[in-house]
Amino acid sequence: MRSVLKRLLSRPEVSALAMLIVMTAIFAFVSDRFLTLNNIMVVLQPMPEIALLAIGVTVLMIAGEFDLSVGSVFALSPMVMVMLLAGGVPVVLAIAAGLIAAILVGLFNATITLKIGLPSFIATLGALFMVRSLAIVISGGFPPPFPRDMDTSWLVGRIDLLRASIFYLLGIAAIIGIWLRRTDFGSWIYATGGDAQAARDMGINVNLVKTVCFCLCSLLAGFAGIILAFRIKAIVPSMGTGFELQAIAAAVIGGAALTGGIGSVVGAIIGALLIAFIENIIILARIDANWFKFAVGAMIVVAVALNTLTRRTAQRLKVETDE
């Protein structure tokens, strides 16, 4: 029993899951409309975008790095796509170009961080402004309208009660989760974030691992932006402003450690869901919307405190078991 409890507490998403259960119970008490089917559908509608951002940020944080530019990439990819669509480029090629643009941003961030030696916080902070400016410049400030006659059902259409984008999210989450937990490269990511020098001593190409994580983070941000553009059938250069902070918040709430080496895809999704729940209950309870950021900030503090407590408890149980 003790060993089972130790394994359970060592999982990074346990604290987030406990918070989700408690918060769901509280919110259901606050509003009897919270757990209704219609309201859950409302909560899940924008879920894929933030969750994909959170997953990308989580993977990068596990590798020991940060990316503050994901909100800007969120706007750049769909902007590139729509500009090409307006020029008559087929939709598949336009989407591919938008995703390639996102990967190039990730490659730029990795190069500045790993080759020049700037902290990723500084490198991606600069990229945040540069990429946002690039999205504005390529559109001339007035991007073309999203093609209204385009079939978007394959990406954001409804499958029964859920949007198709939810299934894309679940598929991507499953693939990345298995990749992290069941492959050598996933182990390299955890090892790199846990102790980069020790990983090098083991023969792991740390720069390659981090570069892949930077590119994956940007790729998921770009894909999330494309999903939103398809869902609202509009594109503006300001799309995704502030989303980088929500993504980092979701990652931290989901159990990702700021020091690297700890985190999970499940935790990132739970963190994104908790943020969506908070925003939703504020609307249902008719609370001043300015309390949203306060609530997210408080949840970050509580989540980090719970994560620290559970890890210490797991470590203590490990020591007692070894004795």
C-alpha atoms as a PDB file:
ATOM      1  CA  MET A   1       0.000   0.000   0.000  1.00  0.00           C
ATOM      2  CA  ARG A   2       2.824   2.366   0.894  1.00  0.00           C
ATOM      3  CA  SER A   3       4.589   1.709  -2.412  1.00  0.00           C
ATOM      4  CA  VAL A   4       1.375   2.360  -4.355  1.00  0.00           C
ATOM      5  CA  LEU A   5       0.887   5.652  -2.493  1.00  0.00           C
ATOM      6  CA  LYS A   6       4.491   6.587  -3.194  1.00  0.00           C
ATOM      7  CA  ARG A   7       4.077   5.988  -6.943  1.00  0.00           C
ATOM      8  CA  LEU A   8       0.811   7.911  -6.954  1.00  0.00           C
ATOM      9  CA  LEU A   9       2.231  10.935  -5.147  1.00  0.00           C
ATOM     10  CA  SER A  10       5.263  10.976  -7.433  1.00  0.00           C
ATOM     11  CA  ARG A  11       3.060  11.627 -10.455  1.00  0.00           C
ATOM     12  CA  PRO A  12       3.228  15.354 -11.365  1.00  0.00           C
ATOM     13  CA  GLU A  13      -0.467  15.614 -12.248  1.00  0.00           C
ATOM     14  CA  VAL A  14      -1.824  14.248  -8.944  1.00  0.00           C
ATOM     15  CA  SER A  15      -2.115  17.657  -7.274  1.00  0.00           C
ATOM     16  CA  ALA A  16      -3.803  19.125 -10.354  1.00  0.00           C
ATOM     17  CA  LEU A  17      -6.276  16.259 -10.456  1.00  0.00           C
ATOM     18  CA  ALA A  18      -7.094  16.762  -6.779  1.00  0.00           C
ATOM     19  CA  MET A  19      -7.636  20.473  -7.427  1.00  0.00           C
ATOM     20  CA  LEU A  20      -9.871  19.666 -10.394  1.00  0.00           C
ATOM     21  CA  ILE A  21     -12.087  17.407  -8.293  1.00  0.00           C
ATOM     22  CA  VAL A  22     -12.353  19.934  -5.455  1.00  0.00           C
ATOM     23  CA  MET A  23     -12.936  22.916  -7.741  1.00  0.00           C
ATOM     24  CA  THR A  24     -15.571  21.032  -9.742  1.00  0.00           C
ATOM     25  CA  ALA A  25     -17.473  20.263  -6.541  1.00  0.00           C
ATOM     26  CA  ILE A  26     -17.229  23.878  -5.375  1.00  0.00           C
ATOM     27  CA  PHE A  27     -18.290  25.311  -8.739  1.00  0.00           C
ATOM     28  CA  ALA A  28     -21.221  22.888  -8.957  1.00  0.00           C
ATOM     29  CA  PHE A  29     -22.360  24.187  -5.559  1.00  0.00           C
ATOM     30  CA  VAL A  30     -21.924  27.827  -6.629  1.00  0.00           C
ATOM     31  CA  SER A  31     -23.998  27.410  -9.801  1.00  0.00           C
ATOM     32  CA  ASP A  32     -26.450  24.643 -10.616  1.00  0.00           C
ATOM     33  CA  ARG A  33     -25.784  25.301 -14.318  1.00  0.00           C
ATOM     34  CA  PHE A  34     -22.073  24.485 -14.085  1.00  0.00           C
ATOM     35  CA  LEU A  35     -22.325  20.725 -14.692  1.00  0.00           C
ATOM     36  CA  THR A  36     -25.088  20.910 -17.277  1.00  0.00           C
ATOM     37  CA  LEU A  37     -24.336  19.419 -20.690  1.00  0.00           C
ATOM     38  CA  ASN A  38     -24.734  22.739 -22.497  1.00  0.00           C
ATOM     39  CA  ASN A  39     -22.303  24.477 -20.160  1.00  0.00           C
ATOM     40  CA  ILE A  40     -19.698  21.725 -20.437  1.00  0.00           C
ATOM     41  CA  MET A  41     -19.890  22.087 -24.209  1.00  0.00           C
ATOM     42  CA  VAL A  42     -19.265  25.821 -23.816  1.00  0.00           C
ATOM     43  CA  VAL A  43     -16.228  25.145 -21.631  1.00  0.00           C
ATOM     44  CA  LEU A  44     -14.780  22.576 -24.036  1.00  0.00           C
ATOM     45  CA  GLN A  45     -15.218  24.722 -27.166  1.00  0.00           C
ATOM     46  CA  PRO A  46     -12.022  26.805 -26.746  1.00  0.00           C
ATOM     47  CA  MET A  47     -10.260  24.042 -24.818  1.00  0.00           C
ATOM     48  CA  PRO A  48      -8.106  22.594 -27.655  1.00  0.00           C
ATOM     49  CA  GLU A  49      -6.314  25.877 -28.325  1.00  0.00           C
ATOM     50  CA  ILE A  50      -5.146  26.534 -24.767  1.00  0.00           C
ATOM     51  CA  ALA A  51      -4.485  22.850 -24.057  1.00  0.00           C
ATOM     52  CA  LEU A  52      -2.241  22.495 -27.128  1.00  0.00           C
ATOM     53  CA  LEU A  53      -0.282  25.559 -26.032  1.00  0.00           C
ATOM     54  CA  ALA A  54       0.007  24.126 -22.528  1.00  0.00           C
ATOM     55  CA  ILE A  55       1.228  20.751 -23.808  1.00  0.00           C
ATOM     56  CA  GLY A  56       3.948  22.382 -25.905  1.00  0.00           C
ATOM     57  CA  VAL A  57       5.072  24.613 -23.055  1.00  0.00           C
ATOM     58  CA  THR A  58       5.047  21.647 -20.663  1.00  0.00           C
ATOM     59  CA  VAL A  59       7.297  19.534 -22.912  1.00  0.00           C
ATOM     60  CA  LEU A  60       9.735  22.437 -23.189  1.00  0.00           C
ATOM     61  CA  MET A  61       9.663  23.046 -19.435  1.00  0.00           C
ATOM     62  CA  ILE A  62      10.405  19.360 -18.844  1.00  0.00           C
ATOM     63  CA  ALA A  63      13.505  19.895 -21.007  1.00  0.00           C
ATOM     64  CA  GLY A  64      14.456  22.818 -18.762  1.00  0.00           C
ATOM     65  CA  GLU A  65      13.555  25.754 -21.019  1.00  0.00           C
ATOM     66  CA  PHE A  66      10.795  28.364 -21.443  1.00  0.00           C
ATOM     67  CA  ASP A  67       8.989  29.864 -24.426  1.00  0.00           C
ATOM     68  CA  LEU A  68       7.256  33.216 -24.057  1.00  0.00           C
ATOM     69  CA  SER A  69       6.698  33.591 -27.798  1.00  0.00           C
ATOM     70  CA  VAL A  70       3.911  31.003 -28.180  1.00  0.00           C
ATOM     71  CA  GLY A  71       1.168  33.645 -28.039  1.00  0.00           C
ATOM     72  CA  SER A  72       2.757  35.456 -30.974  1.00  0.00           C
ATOM     73  CA  VAL A  73       3.294  32.224 -32.928  1.00  0.00           C
ATOM     74  CA  PHE A  74      -0.388  31.557 -32.264  1.00  0.00           C
ATOM     75  CA  ALA A  75      -1.102  34.603 -34.466  1.00  0.00           C
ATOM     76  CA  LEU A  76       1.700  34.198 -37.015  1.00  0.00           C
ATOM     77  CA  SER A  77       0.797  30.726 -38.299  1.00  0.00           C
ATOM     78  CA  PRO A  78      -2.857  31.460 -39.157  1.00  0.00           C
ATOM     79  CA  MET A  79      -1.799  34.847 -40.560  1.00  0.00           C
ATOM     80  CA  VAL A  80       0.611  33.151 -42.975  1.00  0.00           C
ATOM     81  CA  MET A  81      -2.072  30.623 -43.845  1.00  0.00           C
ATOM     82  CA  VAL A  82      -4.772  33.212 -44.571  1.00  0.00           C
ATOM     83  CA  MET A  83      -2.425  35.413 -46.591  1.00  0.00           C
ATOM     84  CA  LEU A  84      -1.585  32.431 -48.806  1.00  0.00           C
ATOM     85  CA  LEU A  85      -5.245  31.410 -49.085  1.00  0.00           C
ATOM     86  CA  ALA A  86      -6.030  34.933 -50.286  1.00  0.00           C
ATOM     87  CA  GLY A  87      -3.358  34.450 -52.943  1.00  0.00           C
ATOM     88  CA  GLY A  88      -5.018  31.305 -54.230  1.00  0.00           C
ATOM     89  CA  VAL A  89      -2.780  28.722 -52.577  1.00  0.00           C
ATOM     90  CA  PRO A  90      -4.555  25.395 -51.825  1.00  0.00           C
ATOM     91  CA  VAL A  91      -5.655  25.030 -48.222  1.00  0.00           C
ATOM     92  CA  VAL A  92      -3.362  22.074 -47.440  1.00  0.00           C
ATOM     93  CA  LEU A  93      -0.279  23.933 -48.658  1.00  0.00           C
ATOM     94  CA  ALA A  94      -1.360  27.111 -46.848  1.00  0.00           C
ATOM     95  CA  ILE A  95      -1.742  25.217 -43.559  1.00  0.00           C
ATOM     96  CA  ALA A  96       1.615  23.511 -44.090  1.00  0.00           C
ATOM     97  CA  ALA A  97       3.266  26.894 -44.686  1.00  0.00           C
ATOM     98  CA  GLY A  98       1.742  28.270 -41.501  1.00  0.00           C
ATOM     99  CA  LEU A  99       3.059  25.311 -39.508  1.00  0.00           C
ATOM    100  CA  ILE A 100       6.509  25.610 -41.120  1.00  0.00           C
ATOM    101  CA  ALA A 101       6.584  29.270 -40.090  1.00  0.00           C
ATOM    102  CA  ALA A 102       5.900  28.156 -36.514  1.00  0.00           C
ATOM    103  CA  ILE A 103       8.683  25.560 -36.619  1.00  0.00           C
ATOM    104  CA  LEU A 104      11.114  28.198 -37.924  1.00  0.00           C
ATOM    105  CA  VAL A 105      10.314  30.388 -34.918  1.00  0.00           C
ATOM    106  CA  GLY A 106      11.045  27.448 -32.643  1.00  0.00           C
ATOM    107  CA  LEU A 107      14.317  26.834 -34.470  1.00  0.00           C
ATOM    108  CA  PHE A 108      15.202  30.523 -34.083  1.00  0.00           C
ATOM    109  CA  ASN A 109      14.488  30.371 -30.341  1.00  0.00           C
ATOM    110  CA  ALA A 110      16.611  27.234 -29.994  1.00  0.00           C
ATOM    111  CA  THR A 111      19.498  28.767 -31.923  1.00  0.00           C
ATOM    112  CA  ILE A 112      19.538  31.968 -29.879  1.00  0.00           C
ATOM    113  CA  THR A 113      19.287  30.016 -26.646  1.00  0.00           C
ATOM    114  CA  LEU A 114      21.692  27.165 -27.333  1.00  0.00           C
ATOM    115  CA  LYS A 115      24.235  28.601 -29.764  1.00  0.00           C
ATOM    116  CA  ILE A 116      24.526  32.170 -28.450  1.00  0.00           C
ATOM    117  CA  GLY A 117      23.876  31.190 -24.854  1.00  0.00           C
ATOM    118  CA  LEU A 118      21.057  33.562 -23.944  1.00  0.00           C
ATOM    119  CA  PRO A 119      18.599  32.340 -21.301  1.00  0.00           C
ATOM    120  CA  SER A 120      15.469  31.056 -23.036  1.00  0.00           C
ATOM    121  CA  PHE A 121      13.386  33.498 -21.007  1.00  0.00           C
ATOM    122  CA  ILE A 122      15.214  36.437 -22.629  1.00  0.00           C
ATOM    123  CA  ALA A 123      15.484  34.887 -26.103  1.00  0.00           C
ATOM    124  CA  THR A 124      11.777  34.060 -26.313  1.00  0.00           C
ATOM    125  CA  LEU A 125      10.759  37.364 -24.735  1.00  0.00           C
ATOM    126  CA  GLY A 126      12.480  39.059 -27.646  1.00  0.00           C
ATOM    127  CA  ALA A 127      10.841  36.626 -30.060  1.00  0.00           C
ATOM    128  CA  LEU A 128       7.453  37.454 -28.543  1.00  0.00           C
ATOM    129  CA  PHE A 129       7.744  41.035 -29.796  1.00  0.00           C
ATOM    130  CA  MET A 130       9.485  40.212 -33.070  1.00  0.00           C
ATOM    131  CA  VAL A 131       7.018  37.534 -34.138  1.00  0.00           C
ATOM    132  CA  ARG A 132       4.002  39.658 -33.183  1.00  0.00           C
ATOM    133  CA  SER A 133       5.439  42.531 -35.225  1.00  0.00           C
ATOM    134  CA  LEU A 134       6.058  40.156 -38.129  1.00  0.00           C
ATOM    135  CA  ALA A 135       2.426  39.040 -38.058  1.00  0.00           C
ATOM    136  CA  ILE A 136       1.344  42.676 -38.313  1.00  0.00           C
ATOM    137  CA  VAL A 137       3.849  43.554 -41.042  1.00  0.00           C
ATOM    138  CA  ILE A 138       3.005  40.671 -43.386  1.00  0.00           C
ATOM    139  CA  SER A 139      -0.686  41.540 -43.154  1.00  0.00           C
ATOM    140  CA  GLY A 140      -0.092  45.236 -43.697  1.00  0.00           C
ATOM    141  CA  GLY A 141      -2.182  45.825 -40.595  1.00  0.00           C
ATOM    142  CA  PHE A 142      -5.327  44.759 -42.449  1.00  0.00           C
ATOM    143  CA  PRO A 143      -5.323  41.005 -43.105  1.00  0.00           C
ATOM    144  CA  PRO A 144      -7.619  39.619 -45.796  1.00  0.00           C
ATOM    145  CA  PRO A 145     -10.911  38.092 -44.661  1.00  0.00           C
ATOM    146  CA  PHE A 146     -11.026  34.399 -43.903  1.00  0.00           C
ATOM    147  CA  PRO A 147     -12.582  32.527 -46.876  1.00  0.00           C
ATOM    148  CA  ARG A 148     -16.207  32.162 -45.808  1.00  0.00           C
ATOM    149  CA  ASP A 149     -16.987  29.386 -48.269  1.00  0.00           C
ATOM    150  CA  MET A 150     -14.183  27.133 -47.025  1.00  0.00           C
ATOM    151  CA  ASP A 151     -15.181  23.806 -45.486  1.00  0.00           C
ATOM    152  CA  THR A 152     -13.877  23.862 -41.899  1.00  0.00           C
ATOM    153  CA  SER A 153     -15.911  20.936 -40.567  1.00  0.00           C
ATOM    154  CA  TRP A 154     -12.962  18.513 -40.767  1.00  0.00           C
ATOM    155  CA  LEU A 155     -11.103  20.572 -38.130  1.00  0.00           C
ATOM    156  CA  VAL A 156     -13.697  22.391 -36.026  1.00  0.00           C
ATOM    157  CA  GLY A 157     -17.009  20.865 -37.095  1.00  0.00           C
ATOM    158  CA  ARG A 158     -19.142  18.976 -34.599  1.00  0.00           C
ATOM    159  CA  ILE A 159     -18.972  15.212 -34.120  1.00  0.00           C
ATOM    160  CA  ASP A 160     -22.100  14.510 -32.107  1.00  0.00           C
ATOM    161  CA  LEU A 161     -21.845  17.044 -29.250  1.00  0.00           C
ATOM    162  CA  LEU A 162     -18.091  17.689 -29.449  1.00  0.00           C
ATOM    163  CA  ARG A 163     -16.047  19.668 -31.924  1.00  0.00           C
ATOM    164  CA  ALA A 164     -13.617  17.735 -34.094  1.00  0.00           C
ATOM    165  CA  SER A 165     -10.749  19.788 -32.644  1.00  0.00           C
ATOM    166  CA  ILE A 166     -11.260  18.025 -29.288  1.00  0.00           C
ATOM    167  CA  PHE A 167     -10.389  14.723 -30.953  1.00  0.00           C
ATOM    168  CA  TYR A 168      -7.316  16.277 -32.581  1.00  0.00           C
ATOM    169  CA  LEU A 169      -6.257  17.431 -29.109  1.00  0.00           C
ATOM    170  CA  LEU A 170      -6.797  13.990 -27.593  1.00  0.00           C
ATOM    171  CA  GLY A 171      -4.909  12.294 -30.431  1.00  0.00           C
ATOM    172  CA  ILE A 172      -1.961  14.681 -30.189  1.00  0.00           C
ATOM    173  CA  ALA A 173      -1.944  14.406 -26.390  1.00  0.00           C
ATOM    174  CA  ALA A 174      -1.911  10.596 -26.575  1.00  0.00           C
ATOM    175  CA  ILE A 175       0.947  10.563 -29.094  1.00  0.00           C
ATOM    176  CA  ILE A 176       3.092  13.019 -27.130  1.00  0.00           C
ATOM    177  CA  GLY A 177       2.269  11.311 -23.833  1.00  0.00           C
ATOM    178  CA  ILE A 178       3.418   7.936 -25.177  1.00  0.00           C
ATOM    179  CA  TRP A 179       6.454   9.598 -26.779  1.00  0.00           C
ATOM    180  CA  LEU A 180       7.480  11.096 -23.433  1.00  0.00           C
ATOM    181  CA  ARG A 181       6.876   8.023 -21.296  1.00  0.00           C
ATOM    182  CA  ARG A 182       7.594   5.065 -23.584  1.00  0.00           C
ATOM    183  CA  THR A 183      10.465   6.127 -25.869  1.00  0.00           C
ATOM    184  CA  ASP A 184      14.168   6.727 -25.404  1.00  0.00           C
ATOM    185  CA  PHE A 185      13.851  10.283 -26.693  1.00  0.00           C
ATOM    186  CA  GLY A 186      11.178  11.010 -24.087  1.00  0.00           C
ATOM    187  CA  SER A 187      13.538   9.746 -21.389  1.00  0.00           C
ATOM    188  CA  TRP A 188      16.235  12.005 -22.815  1.00  0.00           C
ATOM    189  CA  ILE A 189      13.904  14.992 -22.439  1.00  0.00           C
ATOM    190  CA  TYR A 190      13.349  14.238 -18.740  1.00  0.00           C
ATOM    191  CA  ALA A 191      17.052  13.581 -18.218  1.00  0.00           C
ATOM    192  CA  THR A 192      18.013  16.815 -19.980  1.00  0.00           C
ATOM    193  CA  GLY A 193      15.676  18.903 -17.853  1.00  0.00           C
ATOM    194  CA  GLY A 194      16.619  17.098 -14.657  1.00  0.00           C
ATOM    195  CA  ASP A 195      20.382  17.581 -15.037  1.00  0.00           C
ATOM    196  CA  ALA A 196      21.761  18.712 -18.387  1.00  0.00           C
ATOM    197  CA  GLN A 197      25.398  17.974 -17.516  1.00  0.00           C
ATOM    198  CA  ALA A 198      24.581  14.492 -16.281  1.00  0.00           C
ATOM    199  CA  ALA A 199      22.616  13.927 -19.493  1.00  0.00           C
ATOM    200  CA  ARG A 200      25.671  14.972 -21.535  1.00  0.00           C
ATOM    201  CA  ASP A 201      27.831  12.606 -19.533  1.00  0.00           C
ATOM    202  CA  MET A 202      25.399   9.817 -20.461  1.00  0.00           C
ATOM    203  CA  GLY A 203      25.954  10.614 -24.138  1.00  0.00           C
ATOM    204  CA  ILE A 204      22.652  12.436 -24.727  1.00  0.00           C
ATOM    205  CA  ASN A 205      22.751  15.199 -27.341  1.00  0.00           C
ATOM    206  CA  VAL A 206      21.246  17.872 -25.079  1.00  0.00           C
ATOM    207  CA  ASN A 207      21.176  20.567 -27.763  1.00  0.00           C
ATOM    208  CA  LEU A 208      19.275  18.288 -30.150  1.00  0.00           C
ATOM    209  CA  VAL A 209      16.755  17.376 -27.447  1.00  0.00           C
ATOM    210  CA  LYS A 210      16.107  20.998 -26.557  1.00  0.00           C
ATOM    211  CA  THR A 211      15.911  22.058 -30.213  1.00  0.00           C
ATOM    212  CA  VAL A 212      13.252  19.426 -30.910  1.00  0.00           C
ATOM    213  CA  CYS A 213      11.294  20.600 -27.853  1.00  0.00           C
ATOM    214  CA  PHE A 214      11.497  24.264 -28.933  1.00  0.00           C
ATOM    215  CA  CYS A 215      10.240  23.354 -32.416  1.00  0.00           C
ATOM    216  CA  LEU A 216       7.454  21.141 -31.046  1.00  0.00           C
ATOM    217  CA  CYS A 217       6.320  23.901 -28.700  1.00  0.00           C
ATOM    218  CA  SER A 218       6.084  26.409 -31.559  1.00  0.00           C
ATOM    219  CA  LEU A 219       4.458  23.852 -33.876  1.00  0.00           C
ATOM    220  CA  LEU A 220       1.656  23.175 -31.382  1.00  0.00           C
ATOM    221  CA  ALA A 221       1.183  26.925 -30.847  1.00  0.00           C
ATOM    222  CA  GLY A 222       0.863  27.452 -34.591  1.00  0.00           C
ATOM    223  CA  PHE A 223      -1.602  24.593 -34.953  1.00  0.00           C
ATOM    224  CA  ALA A 224      -3.659  25.956 -32.050  1.00  0.00           C
ATOM    225  CA  GLY A 225      -3.833  29.344 -33.763  1.00  0.00           C
ATOM    226  CA  ILE A 226      -4.979  27.719 -37.004  1.00  0.00           C
ATOM    227  CA  ILE A 227      -7.733  25.895 -35.094  1.00  0.00           C
ATOM    228  CA  LEU A 228      -8.973  29.186 -33.632  1.00  0.00           C
ATOM    229  CA  ALA A 229      -8.891  30.890 -37.043  1.00  0.00           C
ATOM    230  CA  PHE A 230     -10.946  28.046 -38.509  1.00  0.00           C
ATOM    231  CA  ARG A 231     -13.370  28.144 -35.585  1.00  0.00           C
ATOM    232  CA  ILE A 232     -14.115  31.892 -35.651  1.00  0.00           C
ATOM    233  CA  LYS A 233     -13.411  32.273 -39.391  1.00  0.00           C
ATOM    234  CA  ALA A 234     -11.407  35.431 -38.805  1.00  0.00           C
ATOM    235  CA  ILE A 235      -7.793  36.461 -38.329  1.00  0.00           C
ATOM    236  CA  VAL A 236      -6.318  39.508 -36.585  1.00  0.00           C
ATOM    237  CA  PRO A 237      -2.671  40.214 -35.665  1.00  0.00           C
ATOM    238  CA  SER A 238      -3.585  40.486 -31.968  1.00  0.00           C
ATOM    239  CA  MET A 239      -4.764  36.868 -31.740  1.00  0.00           C
ATOM    240  CA  GLY A 240      -3.226  34.991 -28.830  1.00  0.00           C
ATOM    241  CA  THR A 241      -2.126  38.058 -26.884  1.00  0.00           C
ATOM    242  CA  GLY A 242      -1.530  36.922 -23.321  1.00  0.00           C
ATOM    243  CA  PHE A 243      -1.964  33.247 -24.170  1.00  0.00           C
ATOM    244  CA  GLU A 244       1.695  32.558 -23.375  1.00  0.00           C
ATOM    245  CA  LEU A 245       1.026  33.348 -19.718  1.00  0.00           C
ATOM    246  CA  GLN A 246      -2.092  31.185 -19.644  1.00  0.00           C
ATOM    247  CA  ALA A 247      -0.126  28.327 -21.213  1.00  0.00           C
ATOM    248  CA  ILE A 248       2.662  28.622 -18.647  1.00  0.00           C
ATOM    249  CA  ALA A 249       0.059  28.868 -15.887  1.00  0.00           C
ATOM    250  CA  ALA A 250      -1.657  25.697 -17.125  1.00  0.00           C
ATOM    251  CA  ALA A 251       1.697  23.890 -17.296  1.00  0.00           C
ATOM    252  CA  VAL A 252       2.644  24.914 -13.749  1.00  0.00           C
ATOM    253  CA  ILE A 253      -0.812  24.109 -12.367  1.00  0.00           C
ATOM    254  CA  GLY A 254      -0.542  20.738 -14.113  1.00  0.00           C
ATOM    255  CA  GLY A 255       2.615  19.899 -12.192  1.00  0.00           C
ATOM    256  CA  ALA A 256       5.454  20.983 -14.496  1.00  0.00           C
ATOM    257  CA  ALA A 257       8.474  22.103 -12.477  1.00  0.00           C
ATOM    258  CA  LEU A 258      10.153  25.417 -13.242  1.00  0.00           C
ATOM    259  CA  THR A 259      13.499  23.713 -12.674  1.00  0.00           C
ATOM    260  CA  GLY A 260      12.853  21.125 -15.412  1.00  0.00           C
ATOM    261  CA  GLY A 261      12.676  17.352 -15.457  1.00  0.00           C
ATOM    262  CA  ILE A 262       9.102  17.105 -14.148  1.00  0.00           C
ATOM    263  CA  GLY A 263       5.755  17.369 -15.948  1.00  0.00           C
ATOM    264  CA  SER A 264       3.175  15.444 -17.950  1.00  0.00           C
ATOM    265  CA  VAL A 265       0.752  15.861 -20.823  1.00  0.00           C
ATOM    266  CA  VAL A 266      -2.187  14.878 -18.624  1.00  0.00           C
ATOM    267  CA  GLY A 267      -1.221  17.566 -16.134  1.00  0.00           C
ATOM    268  CA  ALA A 268      -1.089  20.199 -18.881  1.00  0.00           C
ATOM    269  CA  ILE A 269      -4.611  19.314 -20.028  1.00  0.00           C
ATOM    270  CA  ILE A 270      -5.927  19.365 -16.458  1.00  0.00           C
ATOM    271  CA  GLY A 271      -4.289  22.752 -15.907  1.00  0.00           C
ATOM    272  CA  ALA A 272      -5.895  24.152 -19.053  1.00  0.00           C
ATOM    273  CA  LEU A 273      -9.249  22.719 -17.996  1.00  0.00           C
ATOM    274  CA  LEU A 274      -8.988  24.305 -14.552  1.00  0.00           C
ATOM    275  CA  ILE A 275      -8.327  27.715 -16.095  1.00  0.00           C
ATOM    276  CA  ALA A 276     -11.308  27.239 -18.411  1.00  0.00           C
ATOM    277  CA  PHE A 277     -13.464  26.252 -15.421  1.00  0.00           C
ATOM    278  CA  ILE A 278     -12.480  29.375 -13.499  1.00  0.00           C
ATOM    279  CA  GLU A 279     -13.316  31.634 -16.436  1.00  0.00           C
ATOM    280  CA  ASN A 280     -16.643  29.858 -16.879  1.00  0.00           C
ATOM    281  CA  ILE A 281     -17.746  30.020 -13.237  1.00  0.00           C
ATOM    282  CA  ILE A 282     -16.933  33.727 -13.103  1.00  0.00           C
ATOM    283  CA  ILE A 283     -19.366  34.243 -15.977  1.00  0.00           C
ATOM    284  CA  LEU A 284     -22.044  31.970 -14.510  1.00  0.00           C
ATOM    285  CA  ALA A 285     -21.816  33.524 -11.052  1.00  0.00           C
ATOM    286  CA  ARG A 286     -21.740  37.040 -12.548  1.00  0.00           C
ATOM    287  CA  ILE A 287     -18.548  37.897 -10.744  1.00  0.00           C
ATOM    288  CA  ASP A 288     -16.469  40.868 -11.883  1.00  0.00           C
ATOM    289  CA  ALA A 289     -14.275  39.545 -14.722  1.00  0.00           C
ATOM    290  CA  ASN A 290     -11.256  41.355 -13.260  1.00  0.00           C
ATOM    291  CA  TRP A 291     -11.090  38.580 -10.620  1.00  0.00           C
ATOM    292  CA  PHE A 292     -10.119  36.035 -13.297  1.00  0.00           C
ATOM    293  CA  LYS A 293      -6.394  36.802 -13.231  1.00  0.00           C
ATOM    294  CA  PHE A 294      -6.455  36.904  -9.429  1.00  0.00           C
ATOM    295  CA  ALA A 295      -8.019  33.441  -9.361  1.00  0.00           C
ATOM    296  CA  VAL A 296      -5.488  32.027 -11.841  1.00  0.00           C
ATOM    297  CA  GLY A 297      -2.620  33.509  -9.851  1.00  0.00           C
ATOM    298  CA  ALA A 298      -3.968  32.067  -6.602  1.00  0.00           C
ATOM    299  CA  MET A 299      -4.375  28.686  -8.249  1.00  0.00           C
ATOM    300  CA  ILE A 300      -0.740  28.756  -9.416  1.00  0.00           C
ATOM    301  CA  VAL A 301       0.444  29.409  -5.857  1.00  0.00           C
ATOM    302  CA  VAL A 302      -1.772  26.647  -4.439  1.00  0.00           C
ATOM    303  CA  ALA A 303      -0.726  24.211  -7.191  1.00  0.00           C
ATOM    304  CA  VAL A 304       3.000  24.781  -6.641  1.00  0.00           C
ATOM    305  CA  ALA A 305       2.532  24.435  -2.871  1.00  0.00           C
ATOM    306  CA  LEU A 306       0.607  21.167  -3.325  1.00  0.00           C
ATOM    307  CA  ASN A 307       3.160  19.838  -5.812  1.00  0.00           C
ATOM    308  CA  THR A 308       5.987  20.589  -3.389  1.00  0.00           C
ATOM    309  CA  LEU A 309       4.121  18.911  -0.533  1.00  0.00           C
ATOM    310  CA  THR A 310       3.289  15.770  -2.519  1.00  0.00           C
ATOM    311  CA  ARG A 311       6.864  15.412  -3.801  1.00  0.00           C
ATOM    312  CA  ARG A 312       8.262  15.755  -0.291  1.00  0.00           C
ATOM    313  CA  THR A 313       5.759  13.195   0.959  1.00  0.00           C
ATOM    314  CA  ALA A 314       6.678  10.805  -1.866  1.00  0.00           C
ATOM    315  CA  GLN A 315      10.377  11.270  -1.112  1.00  0.00           C
ATOM    316  CA  ARG A 316       9.796  10.615   2.591  1.00  0.00           C
ATOM    317  CA  LEU A 317       7.848   7.454   1.783  1.00  0.00           C
ATOM    318  CA  LYS A 318      10.681   6.349  -0.500  1.00  0.00           C
ATOM    319  CA  VAL A 319      13.224   6.823   2.258  1.00  0.00           C
ATOM    320  CA  GLU A 320      11.066   4.939   4.773  1.00  0.00           C
ATOM    321  CA  THR A 321      10.548   2.098   2.293  1.00  0.00           C
ATOM    322  CA  ASP A 322      14.288   1.844   1.564  1.00  0.00           C
ATOM    323  CA  GLU A 323      14.990   1.663   5.272  1.00  0.00           C
END
